[in-house]
C-alpha atoms as a PDB file:
ATOM      1  CA  MET A   1     110.794  83.413  87.040  1.00  0.00           C
ATOM      2  CA  GLU A   2     112.359  86.143  89.360  1.00  0.00           C
ATOM      3  CA  TYR A   3     108.819  88.098  89.271  1.00  0.00           C
ATOM      4  CA  ALA A   4     106.948  84.580  89.722  1.00  0.00           C
ATOM      5  CA  GLU A   5     109.194  84.368  93.224  1.00  0.00           C
ATOM      6  CA  ILE A   6     108.317  88.058  94.230  1.00  0.00           C
ATOM      7  CA  LEU A   7     104.755  87.391  93.671  1.00  0.00           C
ATOM      8  CA  ARG A   8     105.202  83.825  95.528  1.00  0.00           C
ATOM      9  CA  ASP A   9     106.499  85.720  98.709  1.00  0.00           C
ATOM     10  CA  SER A  10     104.136  88.674  98.532  1.00  0.00           C
ATOM     11  CA  ALA A  11     101.259  89.099 100.941  1.00  0.00           C
ATOM     12  CA  PRO A  12      98.272  87.058  99.816  1.00  0.00           C
ATOM     13  CA  LEU A  13      95.753  89.732 100.670  1.00  0.00           C
ATOM     14  CA  VAL A  14      97.441  92.215  98.441  1.00  0.00           C
ATOM     15  CA  THR A  15      97.922  89.703  95.707  1.00  0.00           C
ATOM     16  CA  GLY A  16      94.422  88.984  95.480  1.00  0.00           C
ATOM     17  CA  MET A  17      93.840  92.446  95.484  1.00  0.00           C
ATOM     18  CA  LEU A  18      95.737  93.521  92.347  1.00  0.00           C
ATOM     19  CA  LYS A  19      94.174  90.333  90.636  1.00  0.00           C
ATOM     20  CA  ARG A  20      90.623  92.216  91.520  1.00  0.00           C
ATOM     21  CA  PHE A  21      91.995  95.523  90.156  1.00  0.00           C
ATOM     22  CA  VAL A  22      93.147  93.909  87.422  1.00  0.00           C
ATOM     23  CA  ARG A  23      89.869  91.938  86.433  1.00  0.00           C
ATOM     24  CA  ASN A  24      87.595  95.191  87.444  1.00  0.00           C
ATOM     25  CA  GLU A  25      89.574  97.298  84.959  1.00  0.00           C
ATOM     26  CA  VAL A  26      88.685  94.892  82.057  1.00  0.00           C
ATOM     27  CA  LEU A  27      85.191  95.119  82.493  1.00  0.00           C
ATOM     28  CA  PRO A  28      83.293  98.654  81.842  1.00  0.00           C
ATOM     29  CA  ARG A  29      82.356 100.393  85.109  1.00  0.00           C
ATOM     30  CA  GLY A  30      82.002 104.139  85.882  1.00  0.00           C
ATOM     31  CA  PRO A  31      84.557 105.711  87.875  1.00  0.00           C
ATOM     32  CA  SER A  32      82.390 106.156  91.115  1.00  0.00           C
ATOM     33  CA  GLU A  33      81.967 102.577  91.037  1.00  0.00           C
ATOM     34  CA  GLN A  34      85.694 101.924  90.247  1.00  0.00           C
ATOM     35  CA  ALA A  35      86.554 104.396  93.150  1.00  0.00           C
ATOM     36  CA  ALA A  36      84.038 102.437  95.731  1.00  0.00           C
ATOM     37  CA  LEU A  37      85.588  99.281  94.667  1.00  0.00           C
ATOM     38  CA  ALA A  38      89.050 100.531  95.362  1.00  0.00           C
ATOM     39  CA  ARG A  39      88.234 101.808  98.673  1.00  0.00           C
ATOM     40  CA  ARG A  40      86.509  98.710  99.849  1.00  0.00           C
ATOM     41  CA  ASP A  41      89.443  96.623  98.913  1.00  0.00           C
ATOM     42  CA  LEU A  42      92.075  99.336 100.361  1.00  0.00           C
ATOM     43  CA  LEU A  43      90.168  99.016 103.978  1.00  0.00           C
ATOM     44  CA  ALA A  44      89.823  95.290 104.194  1.00  0.00           C
ATOM     45  CA  LEU A  45      93.853  95.526 103.726  1.00  0.00           C
ATOM     46  CA  ALA A  46      94.104  97.940 106.385  1.00  0.00           C
ATOM     47  CA  ARG A  47      92.179  95.965 108.628  1.00  0.00           C
ATOM     48  CA  SER A  48      93.770  92.733 108.015  1.00  0.00           C
ATOM     49  CA  GLU A  49      96.101  90.665 110.015  1.00  0.00           C
ATOM     50  CA  ASP A  50      98.815  90.511 107.360  1.00  0.00           C
ATOM     51  CA  GLN A  51      98.634  93.939 107.556  1.00  0.00           C
ATOM     52  CA  GLN A  52      99.449  94.349 111.101  1.00  0.00           C
ATOM     53  CA  GLU A  53     101.947  91.223 110.540  1.00  0.00           C
ATOM     54  CA  GLY A  54     103.750  93.511 107.949  1.00  0.00           C
ATOM     55  CA  ALA A  55     104.024  96.501 110.149  1.00  0.00           C
ATOM     56  CA  ARG A  56     105.314  94.506 112.827  1.00  0.00           C
ATOM     57  CA  ALA A  57     107.998  92.849 110.715  1.00  0.00           C
ATOM     58  CA  PHE A  58     109.249  96.064 109.491  1.00  0.00           C
ATOM     59  CA  ARG A  59     109.409  97.426 113.047  1.00  0.00           C
ATOM     60  CA  GLU A  60     111.880  94.428 113.857  1.00  0.00           C
ATOM     61  CA  LYS A  61     113.666  94.539 110.767  1.00  0.00           C
ATOM     62  CA  ARG A  62     112.420  91.022 109.623  1.00  0.00           C
ATOM     63  CA  LYS A  63     110.674  89.214 106.554  1.00  0.00           C
ATOM     64  CA  PRO A  64     106.807  89.259 107.473  1.00  0.00           C
ATOM     65  CA  VAL A  65     105.261  85.747 107.580  1.00  0.00           C
ATOM     66  CA  PHE A  66     101.659  86.632 105.828  1.00  0.00           C
ATOM     67  CA  THR A  67      98.765  84.152 106.672  1.00  0.00           C
ATOM     68  CA  GLY A  68      96.002  85.807 104.310  1.00  0.00           C
ATOM     69  CA  ARG A  69      93.940  87.005 106.732  1.00  0.00           C
END
């Protein structure tokens, strides 16, 4: 239950990316294709509003309010 609460409070974009990583690992893919998919997902996170909110919240020493964007 504790782990479920951690996931519940996590950034939605990060949780979604983790789900995609798990799903993509089940299907057979070559290393180049896996690297390209990971890079695409990580760039999307880096450019997201949630990433900016997380950084702001960290600097301001407060709990972040994620929107999933």
